[in-house]
């Protein structure tokens, strides 16, 4: 993760935010000490930045609804994995 001084953030806010929007995570430092972390709100932005040819694929991935699986007592993780695998077969 790249560390930038707060002065650079203040002087180049638009450019820094463009970097973050493109998927980069930045650590903001004051007097050399980290005080904050900037990260993209869009979790797929980093994939698009790392693999520019993946834009079309990640757009499709944005349409996939990801649901959280909460395990409770008596839930067998193998059953959960089987269900996930069956769901994957439905994707184009």
PDB file of N, CA and C in Angstrom:
ATOM      1  N   UNK A   1       0.851  -1.161   0.000  1.00  0.00           N
ATOM      2  CA  UNK A   1       0.000   0.000   0.000  1.00  0.00           C
ATOM      3  C   UNK A   1       0.905   1.235   0.000  1.00  0.00           C
ATOM      4  N   UNK A   2       0.566   2.191  -0.820  1.00  0.00           N
ATOM      5  CA  UNK A   2       1.341   3.419  -0.945  1.00  0.00           C
ATOM      6  C   UNK A   2       0.974   4.394   0.169  1.00  0.00           C
ATOM      7  N   UNK A   3       1.991   5.019   0.750  1.00  0.00           N
ATOM      8  CA  UNK A   3       1.774   6.046   1.767  1.00  0.00           C
ATOM      9  C   UNK A   3       2.031   7.409   1.138  1.00  0.00           C
ATOM     10  N   UNK A   4       1.096   8.330   1.353  1.00  0.00           N
ATOM     11  CA  UNK A   4       1.299   9.693   0.856  1.00  0.00           C
ATOM     12  C   UNK A   4       1.121  10.673   2.015  1.00  0.00           C
ATOM     13  N   UNK A   5       1.914  11.746   2.014  1.00  0.00           N
ATOM     14  CA  UNK A   5       1.758  12.747   3.079  1.00  0.00           C
ATOM     15  C   UNK A   5       0.463  13.531   2.902  1.00  0.00           C
ATOM     16  N   UNK A   6      -0.064  14.005   3.984  1.00  0.00           N
ATOM     17  CA  UNK A   6      -1.325  14.742   3.958  1.00  0.00           C
ATOM     18  C   UNK A   6      -1.208  15.984   3.071  1.00  0.00           C
ATOM     19  N   UNK A   7      -0.012  16.550   2.978  1.00  0.00           N
ATOM     20  CA  UNK A   7       0.183  17.717   2.120  1.00  0.00           C
ATOM     21  C   UNK A   7      -0.070  17.369   0.649  1.00  0.00           C
ATOM     22  N   UNK A   8       0.348  16.169   0.241  1.00  0.00           N
ATOM     23  CA  UNK A   8       0.091  15.742  -1.139  1.00  0.00           C
ATOM     24  C   UNK A   8      -1.404  15.547  -1.363  1.00  0.00           C
ATOM     25  N   UNK A   9      -2.082  14.987  -0.378  1.00  0.00           N
ATOM     26  CA  UNK A   9      -3.534  14.829  -0.482  1.00  0.00           C
ATOM     27  C   UNK A   9      -4.205  16.185  -0.646  1.00  0.00           C
ATOM     28  N   UNK A  10      -3.799  17.155   0.159  1.00  0.00           N
ATOM     29  CA  UNK A  10      -4.394  18.488   0.081  1.00  0.00           C
ATOM     30  C   UNK A  10      -4.102  19.161  -1.264  1.00  0.00           C
ATOM     31  N   UNK A  11      -2.889  19.012  -1.758  1.00  0.00           N
ATOM     32  CA  UNK A  11      -2.489  19.694  -2.993  1.00  0.00           C
ATOM     33  C   UNK A  11      -3.039  19.026  -4.251  1.00  0.00           C
ATOM     34  N   UNK A  12      -3.294  17.711  -4.173  1.00  0.00           N
ATOM     35  CA  UNK A  12      -3.692  16.958  -5.367  1.00  0.00           C
ATOM     36  C   UNK A  12      -4.918  16.080  -5.094  1.00  0.00           C
ATOM     37  N   UNK A  13      -5.895  16.637  -4.423  1.00  0.00           N
ATOM     38  CA  UNK A  13      -7.047  15.846  -3.991  1.00  0.00           C
ATOM     39  C   UNK A  13      -7.719  15.119  -5.148  1.00  0.00           C
ATOM     40  N   UNK A  14      -7.999  15.813  -6.240  1.00  0.00           N
ATOM     41  CA  UNK A  14      -8.699  15.169  -7.368  1.00  0.00           C
ATOM     42  C   UNK A  14      -7.896  14.003  -7.933  1.00  0.00           C
ATOM     43  N   UNK A  15      -6.589  14.187  -8.076  1.00  0.00           N
ATOM     44  CA  UNK A  15      -5.744  13.118  -8.621  1.00  0.00           C
ATOM     45  C   UNK A  15      -5.682  11.923  -7.662  1.00  0.00           C
ATOM     46  N   UNK A  16      -5.562  12.213  -6.376  1.00  0.00           N
ATOM     47  CA  UNK A  16      -5.508  11.146  -5.384  1.00  0.00           C
ATOM     48  C   UNK A  16      -6.821  10.371  -5.377  1.00  0.00           C
ATOM     49  N   UNK A  17      -7.950  11.075  -5.432  1.00  0.00           N
ATOM     50  CA  UNK A  17      -9.239  10.394  -5.448  1.00  0.00           C
ATOM     51  C   UNK A  17      -9.427   9.571  -6.725  1.00  0.00           C
ATOM     52  N   UNK A  18      -8.877  10.045  -7.835  1.00  0.00           N
ATOM     53  CA  UNK A  18      -8.949   9.268  -9.083  1.00  0.00           C
ATOM     54  C   UNK A  18      -8.175   7.963  -8.924  1.00  0.00           C
ATOM     55  N   UNK A  19      -7.037   8.012  -8.267  1.00  0.00           N
ATOM     56  CA  UNK A  19      -6.256   6.792  -8.021  1.00  0.00           C
ATOM     57  C   UNK A  19      -7.048   5.816  -7.164  1.00  0.00           C
ATOM     58  N   UNK A  20      -7.683   6.341  -6.129  1.00  0.00           N
ATOM     59  CA  UNK A  20      -8.477   5.484  -5.237  1.00  0.00           C
ATOM     60  C   UNK A  20      -9.671   4.909  -5.984  1.00  0.00           C
ATOM     61  N   UNK A  21     -10.336   5.731  -6.775  1.00  0.00           N
ATOM     62  CA  UNK A  21     -11.486   5.256  -7.544  1.00  0.00           C
ATOM     63  C   UNK A  21     -11.071   4.161  -8.516  1.00  0.00           C
ATOM     64  N   UNK A  22      -9.839   4.220  -9.001  1.00  0.00           N
ATOM     65  CA  UNK A  22      -9.329   3.206  -9.924  1.00  0.00           C
ATOM     66  C   UNK A  22      -8.937   1.920  -9.208  1.00  0.00           C
ATOM     67  N   UNK A  23      -9.047   1.899  -7.878  1.00  0.00           N
ATOM     68  CA  UNK A  23      -8.809   0.666  -7.149  1.00  0.00           C
ATOM     69  C   UNK A  23      -7.619   0.681  -6.219  1.00  0.00           C
ATOM     70  N   UNK A  24      -6.852   1.757  -6.197  1.00  0.00           N
ATOM     71  CA  UNK A  24      -5.666   1.818  -5.345  1.00  0.00           C
ATOM     72  C   UNK A  24      -6.055   2.151  -3.907  1.00  0.00           C
ATOM     73  N   UNK A  25      -5.387   1.519  -2.970  1.00  0.00           N
ATOM     74  CA  UNK A  25      -5.571   1.834  -1.554  1.00  0.00           C
ATOM     75  C   UNK A  25      -4.383   2.671  -1.112  1.00  0.00           C
ATOM     76  N   UNK A  26      -4.644   3.768  -0.411  1.00  0.00           N
ATOM     77  CA  UNK A  26      -3.586   4.688  -0.001  1.00  0.00           C
ATOM     78  C   UNK A  26      -3.627   4.914   1.506  1.00  0.00           C
ATOM     79  N   UNK A  27      -2.453   5.036   2.080  1.00  0.00           N
ATOM     80  CA  UNK A  27      -2.321   5.362   3.488  1.00  0.00           C
ATOM     81  C   UNK A  27      -1.926   6.834   3.566  1.00  0.00           C
ATOM     82  N   UNK A  28      -2.652   7.613   4.335  1.00  0.00           N
ATOM     83  CA  UNK A  28      -2.382   9.033   4.493  1.00  0.00           C
ATOM     84  C   UNK A  28      -1.582   9.230   5.776  1.00  0.00           C
ATOM     85  N   UNK A  29      -0.463   9.981   5.670  1.00  0.00           N
ATOM     86  CA  UNK A  29       0.411  10.177   6.827  1.00  0.00           C
ATOM     87  C   UNK A  29       0.552  11.654   7.160  1.00  0.00           C
ATOM     88  N   UNK A  30       0.611  11.937   8.435  1.00  0.00           N
ATOM     89  CA  UNK A  30       0.911  13.287   8.940  1.00  0.00           C
ATOM     90  C   UNK A  30       2.207  13.182   9.730  1.00  0.00           C
ATOM     91  N   UNK A  31       3.174  13.971   9.342  1.00  0.00           N
ATOM     92  CA  UNK A  31       4.493  13.940   9.987  1.00  0.00           C
ATOM     93  C   UNK A  31       5.068  12.522   9.997  1.00  0.00           C
ATOM     94  N   UNK A  32       4.836  11.789   8.910  1.00  0.00           N
ATOM     95  CA  UNK A  32       5.383  10.445   8.775  1.00  0.00           C
ATOM     96  C   UNK A  32       4.599   9.352   9.482  1.00  0.00           C
ATOM     97  N   UNK A  33       3.578   9.717  10.220  1.00  0.00           N
ATOM     98  CA  UNK A  33       2.770   8.735  10.961  1.00  0.00           C
ATOM     99  C   UNK A  33       1.439   8.499  10.250  1.00  0.00           C
ATOM    100  N   UNK A  34       1.074   7.255   9.979  1.00  0.00           N
ATOM    101  CA  UNK A  34      -0.203   6.970   9.324  1.00  0.00           C
ATOM    102  C   UNK A  34      -1.378   7.443  10.174  1.00  0.00           C
ATOM    103  N   UNK A  35      -2.350   8.117   9.519  1.00  0.00           N
ATOM    104  CA  UNK A  35      -3.527   8.595  10.232  1.00  0.00           C
ATOM    105  C   UNK A  35      -4.830   8.107   9.607  1.00  0.00           C
ATOM    106  N   UNK A  36      -4.781   7.718   8.331  1.00  0.00           N
ATOM    107  CA  UNK A  36      -6.017   7.289   7.669  1.00  0.00           C
ATOM    108  C   UNK A  36      -5.684   6.418   6.466  1.00  0.00           C
ATOM    109  N   UNK A  37      -6.663   5.659   6.066  1.00  0.00           N
ATOM    110  CA  UNK A  37      -6.528   4.832   4.869  1.00  0.00           C
ATOM    111  C   UNK A  37      -7.662   5.188   3.913  1.00  0.00           C
ATOM    112  N   UNK A  38      -7.322   5.398   2.655  1.00  0.00           N
ATOM    113  CA  UNK A  38      -8.326   5.630   1.624  1.00  0.00           C
ATOM    114  C   UNK A  38      -8.414   4.371   0.779  1.00  0.00           C
ATOM    115  N   UNK A  39      -9.617   3.872   0.588  1.00  0.00           N
ATOM    116  CA  UNK A  39      -9.796   2.696  -0.249  1.00  0.00           C
ATOM    117  C   UNK A  39     -11.066   2.874  -1.071  1.00  0.00           C
ATOM    118  N   UNK A  40     -11.138   2.213  -2.224  1.00  0.00           N
ATOM    119  CA  UNK A  40     -12.301   2.383  -3.086  1.00  0.00           C
ATOM    120  C   UNK A  40     -13.556   1.789  -2.460  1.00  0.00           C
ATOM    121  N   UNK A  41     -14.678   2.427  -2.728  1.00  0.00           N
ATOM    122  CA  UNK A  41     -15.959   1.891  -2.276  1.00  0.00           C
ATOM    123  C   UNK A  41     -16.364   0.698  -3.134  1.00  0.00           C
ATOM    124  N   UNK A  42     -15.854   0.666  -4.355  1.00  0.00           N
ATOM    125  CA  UNK A  42     -16.196  -0.381  -5.305  1.00  0.00           C
ATOM    126  C   UNK A  42     -15.154  -1.493  -5.238  1.00  0.00           C
ATOM    127  N   UNK A  43     -15.502  -2.657  -4.711  1.00  0.00           N
ATOM    128  CA  UNK A  43     -14.512  -3.731  -4.550  1.00  0.00           C
ATOM    129  C   UNK A  43     -13.986  -4.285  -5.872  1.00  0.00           C
ATOM    130  N   UNK A  44     -14.703  -4.102  -6.971  1.00  0.00           N
ATOM    131  CA  UNK A  44     -14.238  -4.619  -8.256  1.00  0.00           C
ATOM    132  C   UNK A  44     -13.300  -3.653  -8.972  1.00  0.00           C
ATOM    133  N   UNK A  45     -13.170  -2.433  -8.470  1.00  0.00           N
ATOM    134  CA  UNK A  45     -12.299  -1.453  -9.121  1.00  0.00           C
ATOM    135  C   UNK A  45     -10.862  -1.934  -9.174  1.00  0.00           C
ATOM    136  N   UNK A  46     -10.394  -2.595  -8.130  1.00  0.00           N
ATOM    137  CA  UNK A  46      -9.015  -3.079  -8.113  1.00  0.00           C
ATOM    138  C   UNK A  46      -8.798  -4.143  -9.186  1.00  0.00           C
ATOM    139  N   UNK A  47      -9.786  -4.992  -9.409  1.00  0.00           N
ATOM    140  CA  UNK A  47      -9.677  -6.010 -10.460  1.00  0.00           C
ATOM    141  C   UNK A  47      -9.596  -5.335 -11.818  1.00  0.00           C
ATOM    142  N   UNK A  48     -10.453  -4.342 -12.050  1.00  0.00           N
ATOM    143  CA  UNK A  48     -10.446  -3.643 -13.331  1.00  0.00           C
ATOM    144  C   UNK A  48      -9.124  -2.912 -13.549  1.00  0.00           C
ATOM    145  N   UNK A  49      -8.554  -2.376 -12.484  1.00  0.00           N
ATOM    146  CA  UNK A  49      -7.278  -1.664 -12.597  1.00  0.00           C
ATOM    147  C   UNK A  49      -6.143  -2.639 -12.881  1.00  0.00           C
ATOM    148  N   UNK A  50      -6.157  -3.774 -12.216  1.00  0.00           N
ATOM    149  CA  UNK A  50      -5.078  -4.747 -12.388  1.00  0.00           C
ATOM    150  C   UNK A  50      -5.154  -5.462 -13.733  1.00  0.00           C
ATOM    151  N   UNK A  51      -6.366  -5.680 -14.222  1.00  0.00           N
ATOM    152  CA  UNK A  51      -6.571  -6.397 -15.477  1.00  0.00           C
ATOM    153  C   UNK A  51      -7.484  -5.574 -16.381  1.00  0.00           C
ATOM    154  N   UNK A  52      -6.925  -4.602 -17.113  1.00  0.00           N
ATOM    155  CA  UNK A  52      -7.756  -3.703 -17.915  1.00  0.00           C
ATOM    156  C   UNK A  52      -8.700  -4.435 -18.873  1.00  0.00           C
ATOM    157  N   UNK A  53      -8.334  -5.583 -19.359  1.00  0.00           N
ATOM    158  CA  UNK A  53      -9.197  -6.337 -20.262  1.00  0.00           C
ATOM    159  C   UNK A  53     -10.391  -6.978 -19.573  1.00  0.00           C
ATOM    160  N   UNK A  54     -10.444  -6.910 -18.271  1.00  0.00           N
ATOM    161  CA  UNK A  54     -11.509  -7.562 -17.506  1.00  0.00           C
ATOM    162  C   UNK A  54     -12.732  -6.681 -17.311  1.00  0.00           C
ATOM    163  N   UNK A  55     -12.737  -5.471 -17.860  1.00  0.00           N
ATOM    164  CA  UNK A  55     -13.860  -4.561 -17.612  1.00  0.00           C
ATOM    165  C   UNK A  55     -15.204  -5.192 -17.956  1.00  0.00           C
ATOM    166  N   UNK A  56     -15.296  -5.861 -19.085  1.00  0.00           N
ATOM    167  CA  UNK A  56     -16.568  -6.465 -19.471  1.00  0.00           C
ATOM    168  C   UNK A  56     -16.956  -7.562 -18.485  1.00  0.00           C
ATOM    169  N   UNK A  57     -15.990  -8.371 -18.086  1.00  0.00           N
ATOM    170  CA  UNK A  57     -16.278  -9.458 -17.150  1.00  0.00           C
ATOM    171  C   UNK A  57     -16.701  -8.919 -15.796  1.00  0.00           C
ATOM    172  N   UNK A  58     -16.039  -7.864 -15.328  1.00  0.00           N
ATOM    173  CA  UNK A  58     -16.397  -7.355 -14.014  1.00  0.00           C
ATOM    174  C   UNK A  58     -17.755  -6.662 -14.052  1.00  0.00           C
ATOM    175  N   UNK A  59     -18.114  -6.093 -15.196  1.00  0.00           N
ATOM    176  CA  UNK A  59     -19.466  -5.525 -15.292  1.00  0.00           C
ATOM    177  C   UNK A  59     -20.494  -6.626 -15.098  1.00  0.00           C
ATOM    178  N   UNK A  60     -20.237  -7.798 -15.695  1.00  0.00           N
ATOM    179  CA  UNK A  60     -21.141  -8.936 -15.511  1.00  0.00           C
ATOM    180  C   UNK A  60     -21.131  -9.381 -14.044  1.00  0.00           C
ATOM    181  N   UNK A  61     -19.953  -9.372 -13.431  1.00  0.00           N
ATOM    182  CA  UNK A  61     -19.850  -9.796 -12.036  1.00  0.00           C
ATOM    183  C   UNK A  61     -20.638  -8.869 -11.124  1.00  0.00           C
ATOM    184  N   UNK A  62     -20.764  -7.596 -11.496  1.00  0.00           N
ATOM    185  CA  UNK A  62     -21.525  -6.650 -10.682  1.00  0.00           C
ATOM    186  C   UNK A  62     -23.007  -7.033 -10.618  1.00  0.00           C
ATOM    187  N   UNK A  63     -23.488  -7.745 -11.634  1.00  0.00           N
ATOM    188  CA  UNK A  63     -24.895  -8.122 -11.677  1.00  0.00           C
ATOM    189  C   UNK A  63     -25.203  -9.350 -10.830  1.00  0.00           C
ATOM    190  N   UNK A  64     -24.169 -10.037 -10.380  1.00  0.00           N
ATOM    191  CA  UNK A  64     -24.377 -11.253  -9.595  1.00  0.00           C
ATOM    192  C   UNK A  64     -24.643 -10.860  -8.144  1.00  0.00           C
ATOM    193  N   UNK A  65     -25.729 -11.316  -7.638  1.00  0.00           N
ATOM    194  CA  UNK A  65     -26.055 -11.030  -6.243  1.00  0.00           C
ATOM    195  C   UNK A  65     -25.317 -12.018  -5.352  1.00  0.00           C
ATOM    196  N   UNK A  66     -24.536 -11.487  -4.436  1.00  0.00           N
ATOM    197  CA  UNK A  66     -23.785 -12.335  -3.522  1.00  0.00           C
ATOM    198  C   UNK A  66     -24.478 -12.276  -2.172  1.00  0.00           C
ATOM    199  N   UNK A  67     -24.890 -13.416  -1.720  1.00  0.00           N
ATOM    200  CA  UNK A  67     -25.576 -13.443  -0.430  1.00  0.00           C
ATOM    201  C   UNK A  67     -24.642 -14.042   0.614  1.00  0.00           C
ATOM    202  N   UNK A  68     -24.739 -13.526   1.792  1.00  0.00           N
ATOM    203  CA  UNK A  68     -23.920 -14.030   2.892  1.00  0.00           C
ATOM    204  C   UNK A  68     -24.499 -15.348   3.398  1.00  0.00           C
ATOM    205  N   UNK A  69     -23.626 -16.229   3.760  1.00  0.00           N
ATOM    206  CA  UNK A  69     -24.044 -17.513   4.320  1.00  0.00           C
ATOM    207  C   UNK A  69     -23.723 -17.486   5.798  1.00  0.00           C
ATOM    208  N   UNK A  70     -24.735 -17.587   6.606  1.00  0.00           N
ATOM    209  CA  UNK A  70     -24.536 -17.611   8.049  1.00  0.00           C
ATOM    210  C   UNK A  70     -24.656 -19.062   8.512  1.00  0.00           C
ATOM    211  N   UNK A  71     -23.626 -19.510   9.161  1.00  0.00           N
ATOM    212  CA  UNK A  71     -23.640 -20.878   9.660  1.00  0.00           C
ATOM    213  C   UNK A  71     -24.153 -20.883  11.088  1.00  0.00           C
ATOM    214  N   UNK A  72     -25.003 -21.824  11.371  1.00  0.00           N
ATOM    215  CA  UNK A  72     -25.524 -21.961  12.726  1.00  0.00           C
ATOM    216  C   UNK A  72     -25.231 -23.381  13.198  1.00  0.00           C
ATOM    217  N   UNK A  73     -25.519 -23.626  14.433  1.00  0.00           N
ATOM    218  CA  UNK A  73     -25.286 -24.971  14.966  1.00  0.00           C
ATOM    219  C   UNK A  73     -26.028 -25.993  14.132  1.00  0.00           C
ATOM    220  N   UNK A  74     -25.362 -27.076  13.829  1.00  0.00           N
ATOM    221  CA  UNK A  74     -25.988 -28.142  13.058  1.00  0.00           C
ATOM    222  C   UNK A  74     -25.852 -27.976  11.553  1.00  0.00           C
ATOM    223  N   UNK A  75     -25.302 -26.854  11.084  1.00  0.00           N
ATOM    224  CA  UNK A  75     -25.120 -26.648   9.651  1.00  0.00           C
ATOM    225  C   UNK A  75     -23.840 -27.344   9.217  1.00  0.00           C
ATOM    226  N   UNK A  76     -23.948 -28.126   8.170  1.00  0.00           N
ATOM    227  CA  UNK A  76     -22.804 -28.850   7.645  1.00  0.00           C
ATOM    228  C   UNK A  76     -22.164 -28.024   6.530  1.00  0.00           C
ATOM    229  N   UNK A  77     -20.908 -27.687   6.682  1.00  0.00           N
ATOM    230  CA  UNK A  77     -20.228 -26.858   5.699  1.00  0.00           C
ATOM    231  C   UNK A  77     -20.190 -27.546   4.337  1.00  0.00           C
ATOM    232  N   UNK A  78     -20.159 -28.853   4.292  1.00  0.00           N
ATOM    233  CA  UNK A  78     -20.169 -29.560   3.011  1.00  0.00           C
ATOM    234  C   UNK A  78     -21.469 -29.314   2.253  1.00  0.00           C
ATOM    235  N   UNK A  79     -22.581 -29.248   2.963  1.00  0.00           N
ATOM    236  CA  UNK A  79     -23.855 -28.932   2.306  1.00  0.00           C
ATOM    237  C   UNK A  79     -23.833 -27.529   1.719  1.00  0.00           C
ATOM    238  N   UNK A  80     -23.243 -26.587   2.453  1.00  0.00           N
ATOM    239  CA  UNK A  80     -23.145 -25.209   1.963  1.00  0.00           C
ATOM    240  C   UNK A  80     -22.286 -25.173   0.705  1.00  0.00           C
ATOM    241  N   UNK A  81     -21.154 -25.859   0.708  1.00  0.00           N
ATOM    242  CA  UNK A  81     -20.281 -25.882  -0.460  1.00  0.00           C
ATOM    243  C   UNK A  81     -20.958 -26.529  -1.662  1.00  0.00           C
ATOM    244  N   UNK A  82     -21.708 -27.578  -1.430  1.00  0.00           N
ATOM    245  CA  UNK A  82     -22.440 -28.219  -2.531  1.00  0.00           C
ATOM    246  C   UNK A  82     -23.462 -27.246  -3.141  1.00  0.00           C
ATOM    247  N   UNK A  83     -24.156 -26.516  -2.289  1.00  0.00           N
ATOM    248  CA  UNK A  83     -25.148 -25.550  -2.767  1.00  0.00           C
ATOM    249  C   UNK A  83     -24.477 -24.461  -3.603  1.00  0.00           C
ATOM    250  N   UNK A  84     -23.348 -23.953  -3.140  1.00  0.00           N
ATOM    251  CA  UNK A  84     -22.624 -22.922  -3.874  1.00  0.00           C
ATOM    252  C   UNK A  84     -22.173 -23.464  -5.228  1.00  0.00           C
ATOM    253  N   UNK A  85     -21.689 -24.688  -5.246  1.00  0.00           N
ATOM    254  CA  UNK A  85     -21.242 -25.296  -6.502  1.00  0.00           C
ATOM    255  C   UNK A  85     -22.408 -25.454  -7.463  1.00  0.00           C
ATOM    256  N   UNK A  86     -23.566 -25.841  -6.973  1.00  0.00           N
ATOM    257  CA  UNK A  86     -24.750 -25.976  -7.823  1.00  0.00           C
ATOM    258  C   UNK A  86     -25.145 -24.627  -8.394  1.00  0.00           C
ATOM    259  N   UNK A  87     -25.084 -23.567  -7.577  1.00  0.00           N
ATOM    260  CA  UNK A  87     -25.409 -22.216  -8.044  1.00  0.00           C
ATOM    261  C   UNK A  87     -24.452 -21.775  -9.143  1.00  0.00           C
ATOM    262  N   UNK A  88     -23.184 -22.146  -9.024  1.00  0.00           N
ATOM    263  CA  UNK A  88     -22.172 -21.745  -9.994  1.00  0.00           C
ATOM    264  C   UNK A  88     -22.499 -22.347 -11.371  1.00  0.00           C
ATOM    265  N   UNK A  89     -23.092 -23.524 -11.393  1.00  0.00           N
ATOM    266  CA  UNK A  89     -23.446 -24.168 -12.660  1.00  0.00           C
ATOM    267  C   UNK A  89     -24.506 -23.396 -13.415  1.00  0.00           C
ATOM    268  N   UNK A  90     -25.263 -22.523 -12.720  1.00  0.00           N
ATOM    269  CA  UNK A  90     -26.316 -21.753 -13.359  1.00  0.00           C
ATOM    270  C   UNK A  90     -25.786 -20.512 -14.077  1.00  0.00           C
ATOM    271  N   UNK A  91     -24.528 -20.134 -13.778  1.00  0.00           N
ATOM    272  CA  UNK A  91     -23.966 -18.929 -14.401  1.00  0.00           C
ATOM    273  C   UNK A  91     -23.607 -19.189 -15.858  1.00  0.00           C
ATOM    274  N   UNK A  92     -23.744 -18.151 -16.709  1.00  0.00           N
ATOM    275  CA  UNK A  92     -23.397 -18.337 -18.121  1.00  0.00           C
ATOM    276  C   UNK A  92     -21.910 -18.531 -18.323  1.00  0.00           C
TER     277      UNK A  92
END
